[in-house]
PDB file of all heavy atoms in Angstrom:
ATOM      1  N   ILE A   1      90.239 109.292 108.236  1.00  0.00           N
ATOM      2  CA  ILE A   1      88.905 109.100 108.657  1.00  0.00           C
ATOM      3  C   ILE A   1      87.999 108.239 107.788  1.00  0.00           C
ATOM      4  O   ILE A   1      86.961 107.742 108.259  1.00  0.00           O
ATOM      5  CB  ILE A   1      88.159 110.470 108.851  1.00  0.00           C
ATOM      6  CG1 ILE A   1      88.166 111.294 107.546  1.00  0.00           C
ATOM      7  CG2 ILE A   1      88.792 111.254 109.999  1.00  0.00           C
ATOM      8  CD1 ILE A   1      87.354 112.536 107.664  1.00  0.00           C
ATOM      9  N   VAL A   2      88.362 108.014 106.527  1.00  0.00           N
ATOM     10  CA  VAL A   2      87.456 107.335 105.629  1.00  0.00           C
ATOM     11  C   VAL A   2      87.466 105.799 105.911  1.00  0.00           C
ATOM     12  O   VAL A   2      88.546 105.251 106.250  1.00  0.00           O
ATOM     13  CB  VAL A   2      87.820 107.529 104.111  1.00  0.00           C
ATOM     14  CG1 VAL A   2      87.654 109.004 103.761  1.00  0.00           C
ATOM     15  CG2 VAL A   2      89.180 107.049 103.793  1.00  0.00           C
ATOM     16  N   THR A   3      86.320 105.193 105.771  1.00  0.00           N
ATOM     17  CA  THR A   3      86.205 103.753 105.922  1.00  0.00           C
ATOM     18  C   THR A   3      86.215 103.081 104.558  1.00  0.00           C
ATOM     19  O   THR A   3      86.500 101.886 104.425  1.00  0.00           O
ATOM     20  CB  THR A   3      84.922 103.358 106.660  1.00  0.00           C
ATOM     21  OG1 THR A   3      83.787 103.891 105.921  1.00  0.00           O
ATOM     22  CG2 THR A   3      84.904 103.933 108.048  1.00  0.00           C
ATOM     23  N   ASP A   4      85.784 103.835 103.532  1.00  0.00           N
ATOM     24  CA  ASP A   4      85.687 103.337 102.138  1.00  0.00           C
ATOM     25  C   ASP A   4      86.136 104.360 101.157  1.00  0.00           C
ATOM     26  O   ASP A   4      86.171 105.532 101.495  1.00  0.00           O
ATOM     27  CB  ASP A   4      84.234 102.979 101.866  1.00  0.00           C
ATOM     28  CG  ASP A   4      83.627 101.975 102.810  1.00  0.00           C
ATOM     29  OD1 ASP A   4      83.346 102.336 103.959  1.00  0.00           O
ATOM     30  OD2 ASP A   4      83.423 100.813 102.420  1.00  0.00           O
ATOM     31  N   VAL A   5      86.464 103.917  99.926  1.00  0.00           N
ATOM     32  CA  VAL A   5      86.781 104.871  98.902  1.00  0.00           C
ATOM     33  C   VAL A   5      85.917 104.589  97.671  1.00  0.00           C
ATOM     34  O   VAL A   5      85.482 103.463  97.374  1.00  0.00           O
ATOM     35  CB  VAL A   5      88.275 104.765  98.435  1.00  0.00           C
ATOM     36  CG1 VAL A   5      89.198 105.236  99.513  1.00  0.00           C
ATOM     37  CG2 VAL A   5      88.659 103.362  97.978  1.00  0.00           C
ATOM     38  N   ILE A   6      85.546 105.651  97.008  1.00  0.00           N
ATOM     39  CA  ILE A   6      84.898 105.613  95.698  1.00  0.00           C
ATOM     40  C   ILE A   6      85.848 106.401  94.748  1.00  0.00           C
ATOM     41  O   ILE A   6      86.093 107.573  94.926  1.00  0.00           O
ATOM     42  CB  ILE A   6      83.534 106.292  95.691  1.00  0.00           C
ATOM     43  CG1 ILE A   6      82.642 105.675  96.774  1.00  0.00           C
ATOM     44  CG2 ILE A   6      82.866 106.212  94.337  1.00  0.00           C
ATOM     45  CD1 ILE A   6      81.360 106.496  97.011  1.00  0.00           C
ATOM     46  N   ILE A   7      86.275 105.719  93.716  1.00  0.00           N
ATOM     47  CA  ILE A   7      87.201 106.346  92.736  1.00  0.00           C
ATOM     48  C   ILE A   7      86.599 106.368  91.427  1.00  0.00           C
ATOM     49  O   ILE A   7      86.126 105.354  90.912  1.00  0.00           O
ATOM     50  CB  ILE A   7      88.547 105.581  92.692  1.00  0.00           C
ATOM     51  CG1 ILE A   7      89.230 105.583  94.093  1.00  0.00           C
ATOM     52  CG2 ILE A   7      89.473 106.172  91.605  1.00  0.00           C
ATOM     53  CD1 ILE A   7      90.513 104.696  94.114  1.00  0.00           C
ATOM     54  N   VAL A   8      86.480 107.596  90.891  1.00  0.00           N
ATOM     55  CA  VAL A   8      85.947 107.705  89.490  1.00  0.00           C
ATOM     56  C   VAL A   8      87.097 107.532  88.501  1.00  0.00           C
ATOM     57  O   VAL A   8      87.997 108.364  88.478  1.00  0.00           O
ATOM     58  CB  VAL A   8      85.272 109.145  89.309  1.00  0.00           C
ATOM     59  CG1 VAL A   8      84.602 109.162  87.933  1.00  0.00           C
ATOM     60  CG2 VAL A   8      84.240 109.377  90.421  1.00  0.00           C
ATOM     61  N   ARG A   9      87.018 106.503  87.764  1.00  0.00           N
ATOM     62  CA  ARG A   9      88.036 106.199  86.733  1.00  0.00           C
ATOM     63  C   ARG A   9      87.942 107.177  85.589  1.00  0.00           C
ATOM     64  O   ARG A   9      86.894 107.840  85.390  1.00  0.00           O
ATOM     65  CB  ARG A   9      87.967 104.744  86.266  1.00  0.00           C
ATOM     66  CG  ARG A   9      88.160 103.689  87.355  1.00  0.00           C
ATOM     67  CD  ARG A   9      88.246 102.323  86.658  1.00  0.00           C
ATOM     68  NE  ARG A   9      88.397 101.204  87.542  1.00  0.00           N
ATOM     69  CZ  ARG A   9      87.411 100.519  88.034  1.00  0.00           C
ATOM     70  NH1 ARG A   9      86.167 100.788  87.735  1.00  0.00           N
ATOM     71  NH2 ARG A   9      87.615  99.466  88.865  1.00  0.00           N
ATOM     72  N   ASN A  10      88.959 107.203  84.741  1.00  0.00           N
ATOM     73  CA  ASN A  10      88.973 108.091  83.557  1.00  0.00           C
ATOM     74  C   ASN A  10      87.816 107.803  82.579  1.00  0.00           C
ATOM     75  O   ASN A  10      87.400 108.687  81.868  1.00  0.00           O
ATOM     76  CB  ASN A  10      90.280 107.995  82.870  1.00  0.00           C
ATOM     77  CG  ASN A  10      91.487 108.431  83.755  1.00  0.00           C
ATOM     78  OD1 ASN A  10      91.276 109.167  84.723  1.00  0.00           O
ATOM     79  ND2 ASN A  10      92.673 107.937  83.447  1.00  0.00           N
ATOM     80  N   ASP A  11      87.311 106.552  82.547  1.00  0.00           N
ATOM     81  CA  ASP A  11      86.235 106.201  81.625  1.00  0.00           C
ATOM     82  C   ASP A  11      84.840 106.411  82.274  1.00  0.00           C
ATOM     83  O   ASP A  11      83.833 106.055  81.652  1.00  0.00           O
ATOM     84  CB  ASP A  11      86.394 104.770  81.116  1.00  0.00           C
ATOM     85  CG  ASP A  11      86.274 103.764  82.246  1.00  0.00           C
ATOM     86  OD1 ASP A  11      86.163 104.151  83.425  1.00  0.00           O
ATOM     87  OD2 ASP A  11      86.327 102.552  81.905  1.00  0.00           O
ATOM     88  N   GLY A  12      84.786 106.937  83.490  1.00  0.00           N
ATOM     89  CA  GLY A  12      83.510 107.217  84.134  1.00  0.00           C
ATOM     90  C   GLY A  12      83.001 106.073  84.972  1.00  0.00           C
ATOM     91  O   GLY A  12      81.968 106.240  85.641  1.00  0.00           O
ATOM     92  N   THR A  13      83.648 104.951  84.980  1.00  0.00           N
ATOM     93  CA  THR A  13      83.210 103.829  85.820  1.00  0.00           C
ATOM     94  C   THR A  13      83.721 104.091  87.246  1.00  0.00           C
ATOM     95  O   THR A  13      84.631 104.847  87.463  1.00  0.00           O
ATOM     96  CB  THR A  13      83.747 102.465  85.296  1.00  0.00           C
ATOM     97  OG1 THR A  13      85.146 102.496  85.261  1.00  0.00           O
ATOM     98  CG2 THR A  13      83.152 102.207  83.950  1.00  0.00           C
ATOM     99  N   LEU A  14      83.122 103.386  88.225  1.00  0.00           N
ATOM    100  CA  LEU A  14      83.484 103.552  89.597  1.00  0.00           C
ATOM    101  C   LEU A  14      84.222 102.327  90.157  1.00  0.00           C
ATOM    102  O   LEU A  14      83.894 101.242  89.871  1.00  0.00           O
ATOM    103  CB  LEU A  14      82.243 103.807  90.440  1.00  0.00           C
ATOM    104  CG  LEU A  14      81.329 105.016  90.109  1.00  0.00           C
ATOM    105  CD1 LEU A  14      80.230 105.107  91.161  1.00  0.00           C
ATOM    106  CD2 LEU A  14      82.141 106.290  90.033  1.00  0.00           C
ATOM    107  N   PHE A  15      85.206 102.628  91.007  1.00  0.00           N
ATOM    108  CA  PHE A  15      85.830 101.624  91.815  1.00  0.00           C
ATOM    109  C   PHE A  15      85.437 101.903  93.236  1.00  0.00           C
ATOM    110  O   PHE A  15      85.605 102.984  93.760  1.00  0.00           O
ATOM    111  CB  PHE A  15      87.382 101.716  91.710  1.00  0.00           C
ATOM    112  CG  PHE A  15      88.106 100.808  92.617  1.00  0.00           C
ATOM    113  CD1 PHE A  15      88.392  99.493  92.268  1.00  0.00           C
ATOM    114  CD2 PHE A  15      88.534 101.256  93.916  1.00  0.00           C
ATOM    115  CE1 PHE A  15      89.092  98.678  93.159  1.00  0.00           C
ATOM    116  CE2 PHE A  15      89.190 100.481  94.790  1.00  0.00           C
ATOM    117  CZ  PHE A  15      89.451  99.139  94.407  1.00  0.00           C
ATOM    118  N   CYS A  16      84.809 100.915  93.894  1.00  0.00           N
ATOM    119  CA  CYS A  16      84.335 101.049  95.301  1.00  0.00           C
ATOM    120  C   CYS A  16      84.931  99.968  96.127  1.00  0.00           C
ATOM    121  O   CYS A  16      84.804  98.797  95.764  1.00  0.00           O
ATOM    122  CB  CYS A  16      82.854 101.072  95.347  1.00  0.00           C
ATOM    123  SG  CYS A  16      82.002 102.222  94.215  1.00  0.00           S
ATOM    124  N   ALA A  17      85.445 100.294  97.301  1.00  0.00           N
ATOM    125  CA  ALA A  17      86.007  99.282  98.218  1.00  0.00           C
ATOM    126  C   ALA A  17      86.176  99.894  99.567  1.00  0.00           C
ATOM    127  O   ALA A  17      86.346 101.087  99.735  1.00  0.00           O
ATOM    128  CB  ALA A  17      87.396  98.756  97.628  1.00  0.00           C
ATOM    129  N   SER A  18      86.139  98.976 100.581  1.00  0.00           N
ATOM    130  CA  SER A  18      86.447  99.418 101.939  1.00  0.00           C
ATOM    131  C   SER A  18      87.948  99.368 102.129  1.00  0.00           C
ATOM    132  O   SER A  18      88.636  98.571 101.589  1.00  0.00           O
ATOM    133  CB  SER A  18      85.717  98.498 102.961  1.00  0.00           C
ATOM    134  OG  SER A  18      86.345  97.227 103.002  1.00  0.00           O
ATOM    135  N   MET A  19      88.475 100.224 102.972  1.00  0.00           N
ATOM    136  CA  MET A  19      89.882 100.313 103.223  1.00  0.00           C
ATOM    137  C   MET A  19      90.316  99.024 103.899  1.00  0.00           C
ATOM    138  O   MET A  19      91.426  98.593 103.749  1.00  0.00           O
ATOM    139  CB  MET A  19      90.226 101.565 103.996  1.00  0.00           C
ATOM    140  CG  MET A  19      90.025 102.872 103.253  1.00  0.00           C
ATOM    141  SD  MET A  19      90.920 102.926 101.694  1.00  0.00           S
ATOM    142  CE  MET A  19      92.617 102.886 102.286  1.00  0.00           C
ATOM    143  N   SER A  20      89.468  98.466 104.760  1.00  0.00           N
ATOM    144  CA  SER A  20      89.834  97.221 105.477  1.00  0.00           C
ATOM    145  C   SER A  20      89.991  96.095 104.530  1.00  0.00           C
ATOM    146  O   SER A  20      90.896  95.273 104.664  1.00  0.00           O
ATOM    147  CB  SER A  20      88.770  96.888 106.547  1.00  0.00           C
ATOM    148  OG  SER A  20      87.518  96.712 105.962  1.00  0.00           O
ATOM    149  N   ASP A  21      89.116  96.051 103.496  1.00  0.00           N
ATOM    150  CA  ASP A  21      89.253  94.974 102.476  1.00  0.00           C
ATOM    151  C   ASP A  21      90.519  95.154 101.664  1.00  0.00           C
ATOM    152  O   ASP A  21      91.223  94.139 101.359  1.00  0.00           O
ATOM    153  CB  ASP A  21      88.050  94.965 101.520  1.00  0.00           C
ATOM    154  CG  ASP A  21      86.790  94.396 102.186  1.00  0.00           C
ATOM    155  OD1 ASP A  21      86.914  93.778 103.247  1.00  0.00           O
ATOM    156  OD2 ASP A  21      85.697  94.576 101.581  1.00  0.00           O
ATOM    157  N   MET A  22      90.872  96.339 101.379  1.00  0.00           N
ATOM    158  CA  MET A  22      92.112  96.616 100.610  1.00  0.00           C
ATOM    159  C   MET A  22      93.328  96.262 101.404  1.00  0.00           C
ATOM    160  O   MET A  22      94.306  95.703 100.924  1.00  0.00           O
ATOM    161  CB  MET A  22      92.183  98.107 100.230  1.00  0.00           C
ATOM    162  CG  MET A  22      91.138  98.505  99.166  1.00  0.00           C
ATOM    163  SD  MET A  22      91.346  97.721  97.550  1.00  0.00           S
ATOM    164  CE  MET A  22      90.201  96.340  97.732  1.00  0.00           C
ATOM    165  N   ALA A  23      93.307  96.537 102.744  1.00  0.00           N
ATOM    166  CA  ALA A  23      94.410  96.173 103.600  1.00  0.00           C
ATOM    167  C   ALA A  23      94.573  94.684 103.760  1.00  0.00           C
ATOM    168  O   ALA A  23      95.693  94.161 103.962  1.00  0.00           O
ATOM    169  CB  ALA A  23      94.251  96.870 104.965  1.00  0.00           C
ATOM    170  N   GLU A  24      93.487  93.963 103.637  1.00  0.00           N
ATOM    171  CA  GLU A  24      93.516  92.529 103.704  1.00  0.00           C
ATOM    172  C   GLU A  24      94.067  91.859 102.415  1.00  0.00           C
ATOM    173  O   GLU A  24      94.718  90.891 102.420  1.00  0.00           O
ATOM    174  CB  GLU A  24      92.110  91.980 104.047  1.00  0.00           C
ATOM    175  CG  GLU A  24      92.033  90.453 104.273  1.00  0.00           C
ATOM    176  CD  GLU A  24      90.688  90.012 104.590  1.00  0.00           C
ATOM    177  OE1 GLU A  24      89.951  90.707 105.299  1.00  0.00           O
ATOM    178  OE2 GLU A  24      90.289  88.874 104.221  1.00  0.00           O
ATOM    179  N   LYS A  25      93.703  92.565 101.332  1.00  0.00           N
ATOM    180  CA  LYS A  25      94.018  91.993  99.963  1.00  0.00           C
ATOM    181  C   LYS A  25      95.410  92.371  99.509  1.00  0.00           C
ATOM    182  O   LYS A  25      96.079  91.616  98.849  1.00  0.00           O
ATOM    183  CB  LYS A  25      92.982  92.417  98.923  1.00  0.00           C
ATOM    184  CG  LYS A  25      93.080  91.746  97.641  1.00  0.00           C
ATOM    185  CD  LYS A  25      91.915  92.092  96.762  1.00  0.00           C
ATOM    186  CE  LYS A  25      91.938  91.380  95.457  1.00  0.00           C
ATOM    187  NZ  LYS A  25      90.788  91.741  94.569  1.00  0.00           N
ATOM    188  N   TYR A  26      95.879  93.555  99.910  1.00  0.00           N
ATOM    189  CA  TYR A  26      97.208  94.102  99.391  1.00  0.00           C
ATOM    190  C   TYR A  26      98.076  94.526 100.550  1.00  0.00           C
ATOM    191  O   TYR A  26      97.570  94.815 101.681  1.00  0.00           O
ATOM    192  CB  TYR A  26      96.952  95.278  98.497  1.00  0.00           C
ATOM    193  CG  TYR A  26      96.049  95.003  97.318  1.00  0.00           C
ATOM    194  CD1 TYR A  26      94.758  95.557  97.323  1.00  0.00           C
ATOM    195  CD2 TYR A  26      96.462  94.238  96.261  1.00  0.00           C
ATOM    196  CE1 TYR A  26      93.897  95.301  96.239  1.00  0.00           C
ATOM    197  CE2 TYR A  26      95.627  93.962  95.211  1.00  0.00           C
ATOM    198  CZ  TYR A  26      94.307  94.488  95.188  1.00  0.00           C
ATOM    199  OH  TYR A  26      93.443  94.232  94.174  1.00  0.00           O
ATOM    200  N   SER A  27      99.363  94.507 100.307  1.00  0.00           N
ATOM    201  CA  SER A  27     100.300  94.988 101.280  1.00  0.00           C
ATOM    202  C   SER A  27     101.104  96.156 100.653  1.00  0.00           C
ATOM    203  O   SER A  27     101.359  96.197  99.479  1.00  0.00           O
ATOM    204  CB  SER A  27     101.285  93.916 101.706  1.00  0.00           C
ATOM    205  OG  SER A  27     102.128  93.469 100.624  1.00  0.00           O
ATOM    206  N   TYR A  28     101.448  97.129 101.512  1.00  0.00           N
ATOM    207  CA  TYR A  28     102.159  98.327 101.032  1.00  0.00           C
ATOM    208  C   TYR A  28     103.462  98.467 101.808  1.00  0.00           C
ATOM    209  O   TYR A  28     103.602  98.091 102.976  1.00  0.00           O
ATOM    210  CB  TYR A  28     101.336  99.552 101.311  1.00  0.00           C
ATOM    211  CG  TYR A  28     102.103 100.855 101.184  1.00  0.00           C
ATOM    212  CD1 TYR A  28     102.466 101.361  99.965  1.00  0.00           C
ATOM    213  CD2 TYR A  28     102.574 101.517 102.355  1.00  0.00           C
ATOM    214  CE1 TYR A  28     103.248 102.538  99.863  1.00  0.00           C
ATOM    215  CE2 TYR A  28     103.274 102.680 102.261  1.00  0.00           C
ATOM    216  CZ  TYR A  28     103.628 103.158 101.018  1.00  0.00           C
ATOM    217  OH  TYR A  28     104.366 104.358 100.920  1.00  0.00           O
ATOM    218  N   GLY A  29     104.508  98.971 101.113  1.00  0.00           N
ATOM    219  CA  GLY A  29     105.800  99.191 101.812  1.00  0.00           C
ATOM    220  C   GLY A  29     106.761  99.943 100.906  1.00  0.00           C
ATOM    221  O   GLY A  29     106.504 100.216  99.730  1.00  0.00           O
ATOM    222  N   ILE A  30     107.925 100.238 101.483  1.00  0.00           N
ATOM    223  CA  ILE A  30     109.022 100.902 100.768  1.00  0.00           C
ATOM    224  C   ILE A  30     110.030  99.795 100.422  1.00  0.00           C
ATOM    225  O   ILE A  30     110.407  98.994 101.281  1.00  0.00           O
ATOM    226  CB  ILE A  30     109.663 102.003 101.600  1.00  0.00           C
ATOM    227  CG1 ILE A  30     108.644 103.039 102.077  1.00  0.00           C
ATOM    228  CG2 ILE A  30     110.801 102.649 100.790  1.00  0.00           C
ATOM    229  CD1 ILE A  30     108.013 103.787 100.915  1.00  0.00           C
TER     230      ILE A  30
END
């Protein structure tokens, strides 16, 4: 259901991105 992710890194900084942008930038597979 999510459109975007916010990830709190170990140093307290944030990673923010839309899932559509990530799918456009990266590919996943086995």
